[in-house]
Amino acid sequence: MLKKYNIKASMSRKGNGLDNACMEHFFLHFKAECFRLYAFRTAEEVKDAVHQSICFYNHQRFQKKLTNLSPYEYRTQAA
């Protein structure tokens, strides 16, 4: 799949998870707040839940490390 879309895999030496830390942190929250709370019956329900969860994460969910702003608010303020 990577070759098909001309994407270079980001791989560091074995046991070094620092290059994936941001994504691991995101997916930890994503799975806990989206997939572990609901039971889905259709693929459309999953798509809607993913969309709503990502919108919530970026636009409404405040984060301490961003001075209690959402990621969107933080980026907008910095610009």
PDB file of N, CA and C in Angstrom:
ATOM      1  N   MET A   1       0.830  -1.185   0.000  1.00  0.00           N
ATOM      2  CA  MET A   1       0.000   0.000   0.000  1.00  0.00           C
ATOM      3  C   MET A   1       0.877   1.252   0.000  1.00  0.00           C
ATOM      4  N   LEU A   2       1.976   1.233   0.775  1.00  0.00           N
ATOM      5  CA  LEU A   2       2.869   2.388   0.805  1.00  0.00           C
ATOM      6  C   LEU A   2       3.444   2.668  -0.581  1.00  0.00           C
ATOM      7  N   LYS A   3       3.887   1.624  -1.266  1.00  0.00           N
ATOM      8  CA  LYS A   3       4.437   1.806  -2.609  1.00  0.00           C
ATOM      9  C   LYS A   3       3.383   2.339  -3.571  1.00  0.00           C
ATOM     10  N   LYS A   4       2.168   1.831  -3.450  1.00  0.00           N
ATOM     11  CA  LYS A   4       1.082   2.242  -4.347  1.00  0.00           C
ATOM     12  C   LYS A   4       0.861   3.751  -4.283  1.00  0.00           C
ATOM     13  N   TYR A   5       0.936   4.345  -3.084  1.00  0.00           N
ATOM     14  CA  TYR A   5       0.681   5.773  -2.910  1.00  0.00           C
ATOM     15  C   TYR A   5       1.975   6.594  -2.745  1.00  0.00           C
ATOM     16  N   ASN A   6       3.116   5.943  -3.037  1.00  0.00           N
ATOM     17  CA  ASN A   6       4.416   6.613  -2.983  1.00  0.00           C
ATOM     18  C   ASN A   6       4.660   7.286  -1.630  1.00  0.00           C
ATOM     19  N   ILE A   7       4.426   6.528  -0.561  1.00  0.00           N
ATOM     20  CA  ILE A   7       4.609   7.018   0.805  1.00  0.00           C
ATOM     21  C   ILE A   7       5.824   6.327   1.406  1.00  0.00           C
ATOM     22  N   LYS A   8       6.664   7.099   2.062  1.00  0.00           N
ATOM     23  CA  LYS A   8       7.840   6.537   2.727  1.00  0.00           C
ATOM     24  C   LYS A   8       7.485   6.217   4.179  1.00  0.00           C
ATOM     25  N   ALA A   9       7.737   4.998   4.595  1.00  0.00           N
ATOM     26  CA  ALA A   9       7.446   4.576   5.968  1.00  0.00           C
ATOM     27  C   ALA A   9       8.429   5.234   6.924  1.00  0.00           C
ATOM     28  N   SER A  10       7.933   5.664   8.067  1.00  0.00           N
ATOM     29  CA  SER A  10       8.780   6.249   9.096  1.00  0.00           C
ATOM     30  C   SER A  10       9.088   5.166  10.116  1.00  0.00           C
ATOM     31  N   MET A  11      10.282   4.672  10.044  1.00  0.00           N
ATOM     32  CA  MET A  11      10.674   3.592  10.943  1.00  0.00           C
ATOM     33  C   MET A  11      12.009   3.936  11.589  1.00  0.00           C
ATOM     34  N   SER A  12      12.038   3.912  12.897  1.00  0.00           N
ATOM     35  CA  SER A  12      13.301   4.093  13.591  1.00  0.00           C
ATOM     36  C   SER A  12      13.757   2.719  14.065  1.00  0.00           C
ATOM     37  N   ARG A  13      14.832   2.705  14.812  1.00  0.00           N
ATOM     38  CA  ARG A  13      15.324   1.410  15.279  1.00  0.00           C
ATOM     39  C   ARG A  13      14.300   0.754  16.228  1.00  0.00           C
ATOM     40  N   LYS A  14      14.381  -0.503  16.362  1.00  0.00           N
ATOM     41  CA  LYS A  14      13.450  -1.273  17.171  1.00  0.00           C
ATOM     42  C   LYS A  14      13.428  -0.756  18.613  1.00  0.00           C
ATOM     43  N   GLY A  15      12.217  -0.589  19.142  1.00  0.00           N
ATOM     44  CA  GLY A  15      12.065  -0.177  20.526  1.00  0.00           C
ATOM     45  C   GLY A  15      12.051   1.322  20.750  1.00  0.00           C
ATOM     46  N   ASN A  16      12.201   2.115  19.685  1.00  0.00           N
ATOM     47  CA  ASN A  16      12.196   3.569  19.818  1.00  0.00           C
ATOM     48  C   ASN A  16      10.848   4.092  19.336  1.00  0.00           C
ATOM     49  N   GLY A  17       9.962   4.345  20.281  1.00  0.00           N
ATOM     50  CA  GLY A  17       8.621   4.792  19.925  1.00  0.00           C
ATOM     51  C   GLY A  17       8.456   6.294  19.858  1.00  0.00           C
ATOM     52  N   LEU A  18       9.531   7.054  20.019  1.00  0.00           N
ATOM     53  CA  LEU A  18       9.406   8.504  20.071  1.00  0.00           C
ATOM     54  C   LEU A  18       8.885   9.101  18.779  1.00  0.00           C
ATOM     55  N   ASP A  19       9.227   8.511  17.625  1.00  0.00           N
ATOM     56  CA  ASP A  19       8.764   9.090  16.374  1.00  0.00           C
ATOM     57  C   ASP A  19       7.263   8.903  16.185  1.00  0.00           C
ATOM     58  N   ASN A  20       6.649   7.994  16.906  1.00  0.00           N
ATOM     59  CA  ASN A  20       5.211   7.762  16.785  1.00  0.00           C
ATOM     60  C   ASN A  20       4.432   8.240  18.011  1.00  0.00           C
ATOM     61  N   ALA A  21       5.079   8.914  18.926  1.00  0.00           N
ATOM     62  CA  ALA A  21       4.450   9.264  20.197  1.00  0.00           C
ATOM     63  C   ALA A  21       3.198  10.119  20.019  1.00  0.00           C
ATOM     64  N   CYS A  22       3.227  11.076  19.116  1.00  0.00           N
ATOM     65  CA  CYS A  22       2.055  11.945  18.915  1.00  0.00           C
ATOM     66  C   CYS A  22       0.860  11.155  18.412  1.00  0.00           C
ATOM     67  N   MET A  23       1.093  10.289  17.436  1.00  0.00           N
ATOM     68  CA  MET A  23      -0.014   9.506  16.887  1.00  0.00           C
ATOM     69  C   MET A  23      -0.513   8.469  17.891  1.00  0.00           C
ATOM     70  N   GLU A  24       0.405   7.862  18.629  1.00  0.00           N
ATOM     71  CA  GLU A  24      -0.002   6.899  19.651  1.00  0.00           C
ATOM     72  C   GLU A  24      -0.892   7.575  20.694  1.00  0.00           C
ATOM     73  N   HIS A  25      -0.520   8.782  21.086  1.00  0.00           N
ATOM     74  CA  HIS A  25      -1.307   9.536  22.065  1.00  0.00           C
ATOM     75  C   HIS A  25      -2.690   9.856  21.509  1.00  0.00           C
ATOM     76  N   PHE A  26      -2.744  10.298  20.251  1.00  0.00           N
ATOM     77  CA  PHE A  26      -4.031  10.599  19.628  1.00  0.00           C
ATOM     78  C   PHE A  26      -4.916   9.353  19.591  1.00  0.00           C
ATOM     79  N   PHE A  27      -4.380   8.240  19.093  1.00  0.00           N
ATOM     80  CA  PHE A  27      -5.193   7.037  18.960  1.00  0.00           C
ATOM     81  C   PHE A  27      -5.601   6.454  20.310  1.00  0.00           C
ATOM     82  N   LEU A  28      -4.814   6.657  21.351  1.00  0.00           N
ATOM     83  CA  LEU A  28      -5.203   6.241  22.689  1.00  0.00           C
ATOM     84  C   LEU A  28      -6.511   6.926  23.086  1.00  0.00           C
ATOM     85  N   HIS A  29      -6.553   8.247  22.928  1.00  0.00           N
ATOM     86  CA  HIS A  29      -7.768   8.996  23.244  1.00  0.00           C
ATOM     87  C   HIS A  29      -8.901   8.678  22.277  1.00  0.00           C
ATOM     88  N   PHE A  30      -8.558   8.569  21.016  1.00  0.00           N
ATOM     89  CA  PHE A  30      -9.565   8.296  19.982  1.00  0.00           C
ATOM     90  C   PHE A  30     -10.303   6.990  20.258  1.00  0.00           C
ATOM     91  N   LYS A  31      -9.560   5.936  20.529  1.00  0.00           N
ATOM     92  CA  LYS A  31     -10.197   4.644  20.806  1.00  0.00           C
ATOM     93  C   LYS A  31     -11.010   4.689  22.090  1.00  0.00           C
ATOM     94  N   ALA A  32     -10.489   5.346  23.117  1.00  0.00           N
ATOM     95  CA  ALA A  32     -11.193   5.400  24.398  1.00  0.00           C
ATOM     96  C   ALA A  32     -12.469   6.224  24.305  1.00  0.00           C
ATOM     97  N   GLU A  33     -12.434   7.326  23.571  1.00  0.00           N
ATOM     98  CA  GLU A  33     -13.571   8.239  23.525  1.00  0.00           C
ATOM     99  C   GLU A  33     -14.557   7.932  22.407  1.00  0.00           C
ATOM    100  N   CYS A  34     -14.171   7.127  21.449  1.00  0.00           N
ATOM    101  CA  CYS A  34     -15.060   6.846  20.324  1.00  0.00           C
ATOM    102  C   CYS A  34     -15.459   5.370  20.283  1.00  0.00           C
ATOM    103  N   PHE A  35     -14.507   4.500  20.067  1.00  0.00           N
ATOM    104  CA  PHE A  35     -14.842   3.105  19.804  1.00  0.00           C
ATOM    105  C   PHE A  35     -15.215   2.294  21.030  1.00  0.00           C
ATOM    106  N   ARG A  36     -14.731   2.660  22.199  1.00  0.00           N
ATOM    107  CA  ARG A  36     -15.051   1.865  23.378  1.00  0.00           C
ATOM    108  C   ARG A  36     -16.366   2.285  24.029  1.00  0.00           C
ATOM    109  N   LEU A  37     -16.969   3.364  23.541  1.00  0.00           N
ATOM    110  CA  LEU A  37     -18.219   3.842  24.129  1.00  0.00           C
ATOM    111  C   LEU A  37     -19.453   3.401  23.361  1.00  0.00           C
ATOM    112  N   TYR A  38     -19.289   3.039  22.107  1.00  0.00           N
ATOM    113  CA  TYR A  38     -20.448   2.776  21.256  1.00  0.00           C
ATOM    114  C   TYR A  38     -20.342   1.424  20.555  1.00  0.00           C
ATOM    115  N   ALA A  39     -21.498   0.879  20.223  1.00  0.00           N
ATOM    116  CA  ALA A  39     -21.561  -0.325  19.401  1.00  0.00           C
ATOM    117  C   ALA A  39     -22.127   0.093  18.047  1.00  0.00           C
ATOM    118  N   PHE A  40     -21.418  -0.201  16.985  1.00  0.00           N
ATOM    119  CA  PHE A  40     -21.823   0.222  15.651  1.00  0.00           C
ATOM    120  C   PHE A  40     -22.467  -0.930  14.898  1.00  0.00           C
ATOM    121  N   ARG A  41     -23.460  -0.600  14.104  1.00  0.00           N
ATOM    122  CA  ARG A  41     -24.138  -1.621  13.303  1.00  0.00           C
ATOM    123  C   ARG A  41     -23.797  -1.534  11.824  1.00  0.00           C
ATOM    124  N   THR A  42     -23.406  -0.349  11.363  1.00  0.00           N
ATOM    125  CA  THR A  42     -23.103  -0.185   9.943  1.00  0.00           C
ATOM    126  C   THR A  42     -21.791   0.580   9.764  1.00  0.00           C
ATOM    127  N   ALA A  43     -21.242   0.460   8.574  1.00  0.00           N
ATOM    128  CA  ALA A  43     -20.016   1.200   8.247  1.00  0.00           C
ATOM    129  C   ALA A  43     -20.292   2.703   8.269  1.00  0.00           C
ATOM    130  N   GLU A  44     -21.472   3.106   7.872  1.00  0.00           N
ATOM    131  CA  GLU A  44     -21.832   4.529   7.877  1.00  0.00           C
ATOM    132  C   GLU A  44     -21.812   5.102   9.297  1.00  0.00           C
ATOM    133  N   GLU A  45     -22.279   4.325  10.268  1.00  0.00           N
ATOM    134  CA  GLU A  45     -22.234   4.757  11.669  1.00  0.00           C
ATOM    135  C   GLU A  45     -20.787   4.947  12.127  1.00  0.00           C
ATOM    136  N   VAL A  46     -19.893   4.071  11.688  1.00  0.00           N
ATOM    137  CA  VAL A  46     -18.481   4.195  12.047  1.00  0.00           C
ATOM    138  C   VAL A  46     -17.904   5.458  11.418  1.00  0.00           C
ATOM    139  N   LYS A  47     -18.196   5.699  10.148  1.00  0.00           N
ATOM    140  CA  LYS A  47     -17.696   6.894   9.456  1.00  0.00           C
ATOM    141  C   LYS A  47     -18.171   8.162  10.152  1.00  0.00           C
ATOM    142  N   ASP A  48     -19.448   8.199  10.502  1.00  0.00           N
ATOM    143  CA  ASP A  48     -19.991   9.374  11.196  1.00  0.00           C
ATOM    144  C   ASP A  48     -19.319   9.580  12.553  1.00  0.00           C
ATOM    145  N   ALA A  49     -19.130   8.491  13.291  1.00  0.00           N
ATOM    146  CA  ALA A  49     -18.502   8.583  14.613  1.00  0.00           C
ATOM    147  C   ALA A  49     -17.060   9.066  14.505  1.00  0.00           C
ATOM    148  N   VAL A  50     -16.340   8.571  13.511  1.00  0.00           N
ATOM    149  CA  VAL A  50     -14.951   9.002  13.311  1.00  0.00           C
ATOM    150  C   VAL A  50     -14.918  10.492  12.985  1.00  0.00           C
ATOM    151  N   HIS A  51     -15.777  10.925  12.075  1.00  0.00           N
ATOM    152  CA  HIS A  51     -15.829  12.344  11.696  1.00  0.00           C
ATOM    153  C   HIS A  51     -16.160  13.214  12.914  1.00  0.00           C
ATOM    154  N   GLN A  52     -17.185  12.846  13.657  1.00  0.00           N
ATOM    155  CA  GLN A  52     -17.578  13.624  14.838  1.00  0.00           C
ATOM    156  C   GLN A  52     -16.481  13.643  15.891  1.00  0.00           C
ATOM    157  N   SER A  53     -15.824  12.524  16.071  1.00  0.00           N
ATOM    158  CA  SER A  53     -14.769  12.435  17.081  1.00  0.00           C
ATOM    159  C   SER A  53     -13.575  13.320  16.714  1.00  0.00           C
ATOM    160  N   ILE A  54     -13.176  13.296  15.459  1.00  0.00           N
ATOM    161  CA  ILE A  54     -12.047  14.121  15.021  1.00  0.00           C
ATOM    162  C   ILE A  54     -12.400  15.600  15.091  1.00  0.00           C
ATOM    163  N   CYS A  55     -13.622  15.960  14.694  1.00  0.00           N
ATOM    164  CA  CYS A  55     -14.060  17.363  14.812  1.00  0.00           C
ATOM    165  C   CYS A  55     -14.056  17.802  16.279  1.00  0.00           C
ATOM    166  N   PHE A  56     -14.572  16.957  17.154  1.00  0.00           N
ATOM    167  CA  PHE A  56     -14.575  17.275  18.578  1.00  0.00           C
ATOM    168  C   PHE A  56     -13.149  17.438  19.108  1.00  0.00           C
ATOM    169  N   TYR A  57     -12.273  16.507  18.738  1.00  0.00           N
ATOM    170  CA  TYR A  57     -10.889  16.539  19.219  1.00  0.00           C
ATOM    171  C   TYR A  57     -10.187  17.825  18.788  1.00  0.00           C
ATOM    172  N   ASN A  58     -10.418  18.253  17.568  1.00  0.00           N
ATOM    173  CA  ASN A  58      -9.720  19.428  17.039  1.00  0.00           C
ATOM    174  C   ASN A  58     -10.359  20.757  17.404  1.00  0.00           C
ATOM    175  N   HIS A  59     -11.679  20.797  17.568  1.00  0.00           N
ATOM    176  CA  HIS A  59     -12.369  22.077  17.716  1.00  0.00           C
ATOM    177  C   HIS A  59     -12.955  22.355  19.100  1.00  0.00           C
ATOM    178  N   GLN A  60     -13.225  21.331  19.887  1.00  0.00           N
ATOM    179  CA  GLN A  60     -13.915  21.556  21.154  1.00  0.00           C
ATOM    180  C   GLN A  60     -13.158  21.055  22.376  1.00  0.00           C
ATOM    181  N   ARG A  61     -12.418  20.000  22.244  1.00  0.00           N
ATOM    182  CA  ARG A  61     -11.762  19.357  23.387  1.00  0.00           C
ATOM    183  C   ARG A  61     -10.538  20.176  23.804  1.00  0.00           C
ATOM    184  N   PHE A  62     -10.605  20.793  24.957  1.00  0.00           N
ATOM    185  CA  PHE A  62      -9.469  21.586  25.407  1.00  0.00           C
ATOM    186  C   PHE A  62      -8.358  20.678  25.914  1.00  0.00           C
ATOM    187  N   GLN A  63      -7.134  21.184  25.850  1.00  0.00           N
ATOM    188  CA  GLN A  63      -5.982  20.417  26.289  1.00  0.00           C
ATOM    189  C   GLN A  63      -5.113  21.285  27.186  1.00  0.00           C
ATOM    190  N   LYS A  64      -4.739  20.737  28.318  1.00  0.00           N
ATOM    191  CA  LYS A  64      -3.918  21.479  29.280  1.00  0.00           C
ATOM    192  C   LYS A  64      -2.640  22.019  28.661  1.00  0.00           C
ATOM    193  N   LYS A  65      -1.964  21.165  27.889  1.00  0.00           N
ATOM    194  CA  LYS A  65      -0.676  21.575  27.327  1.00  0.00           C
ATOM    195  C   LYS A  65      -0.809  22.706  26.315  1.00  0.00           C
ATOM    196  N   LEU A  66      -2.028  22.975  25.860  1.00  0.00           N
ATOM    197  CA  LEU A  66      -2.278  24.077  24.926  1.00  0.00           C
ATOM    198  C   LEU A  66      -2.967  25.238  25.642  1.00  0.00           C
ATOM    199  N   THR A  67      -2.632  25.434  26.894  1.00  0.00           N
ATOM    200  CA  THR A  67      -3.209  26.484  27.755  1.00  0.00           C
ATOM    201  C   THR A  67      -4.735  26.450  27.753  1.00  0.00           C
ATOM    202  N   ASN A  68      -5.271  25.239  27.895  1.00  0.00           N
ATOM    203  CA  ASN A  68      -6.716  24.981  27.973  1.00  0.00           C
ATOM    204  C   ASN A  68      -7.491  25.464  26.748  1.00  0.00           C
ATOM    205  N   LEU A  69      -6.853  25.374  25.589  1.00  0.00           N
ATOM    206  CA  LEU A  69      -7.515  25.671  24.323  1.00  0.00           C
ATOM    207  C   LEU A  69      -7.624  24.391  23.517  1.00  0.00           C
ATOM    208  N   SER A  70      -8.528  24.373  22.551  1.00  0.00           N
ATOM    209  CA  SER A  70      -8.576  23.250  21.617  1.00  0.00           C
ATOM    210  C   SER A  70      -7.414  23.415  20.645  1.00  0.00           C
ATOM    211  N   PRO A  71      -7.014  22.354  19.952  1.00  0.00           N
ATOM    212  CA  PRO A  71      -5.930  22.496  18.974  1.00  0.00           C
ATOM    213  C   PRO A  71      -6.229  23.576  17.927  1.00  0.00           C
ATOM    214  N   TYR A  72      -7.455  23.644  17.465  1.00  0.00           N
ATOM    215  CA  TYR A  72      -7.824  24.667  16.481  1.00  0.00           C
ATOM    216  C   TYR A  72      -7.671  26.070  17.064  1.00  0.00           C
ATOM    217  N   GLU A  73      -8.167  26.274  18.266  1.00  0.00           N
ATOM    218  CA  GLU A  73      -8.060  27.590  18.903  1.00  0.00           C
ATOM    219  C   GLU A  73      -6.592  27.968  19.118  1.00  0.00           C
ATOM    220  N   TYR A  74      -5.794  26.982  19.514  1.00  0.00           N
ATOM    221  CA  TYR A  74      -4.377  27.238  19.758  1.00  0.00           C
ATOM    222  C   TYR A  74      -3.661  27.656  18.472  1.00  0.00           C
ATOM    223  N   ARG A  75      -3.908  26.909  17.387  1.00  0.00           N
ATOM    224  CA  ARG A  75      -3.282  27.244  16.104  1.00  0.00           C
ATOM    225  C   ARG A  75      -3.760  28.601  15.603  1.00  0.00           C
ATOM    226  N   THR A  76      -5.044  28.897  15.772  1.00  0.00           N
ATOM    227  CA  THR A  76      -5.589  30.180  15.320  1.00  0.00           C
ATOM    228  C   THR A  76      -4.967  31.322  16.110  1.00  0.00           C
ATOM    229  N   GLN A  77      -4.816  31.125  17.400  1.00  0.00           N
ATOM    230  CA  GLN A  77      -4.227  32.150  18.251  1.00  0.00           C
ATOM    231  C   GLN A  77      -2.761  32.400  17.880  1.00  0.00           C
ATOM    232  N   ALA A  78      -2.056  31.344  17.552  1.00  0.00           N
ATOM    233  CA  ALA A  78      -0.635  31.468  17.207  1.00  0.00           C
ATOM    234  C   ALA A  78      -0.448  32.181  15.872  1.00  0.00           C
ATOM    235  N   ALA A  79      -1.421  32.052  14.990  1.00  0.00           N
ATOM    236  CA  ALA A  79      -1.318  32.698  13.669  1.00  0.00           C
ATOM    237  C   ALA A  79      -1.614  34.145  13.827  1.00  0.00           C
TER     238      ALA A  79
END
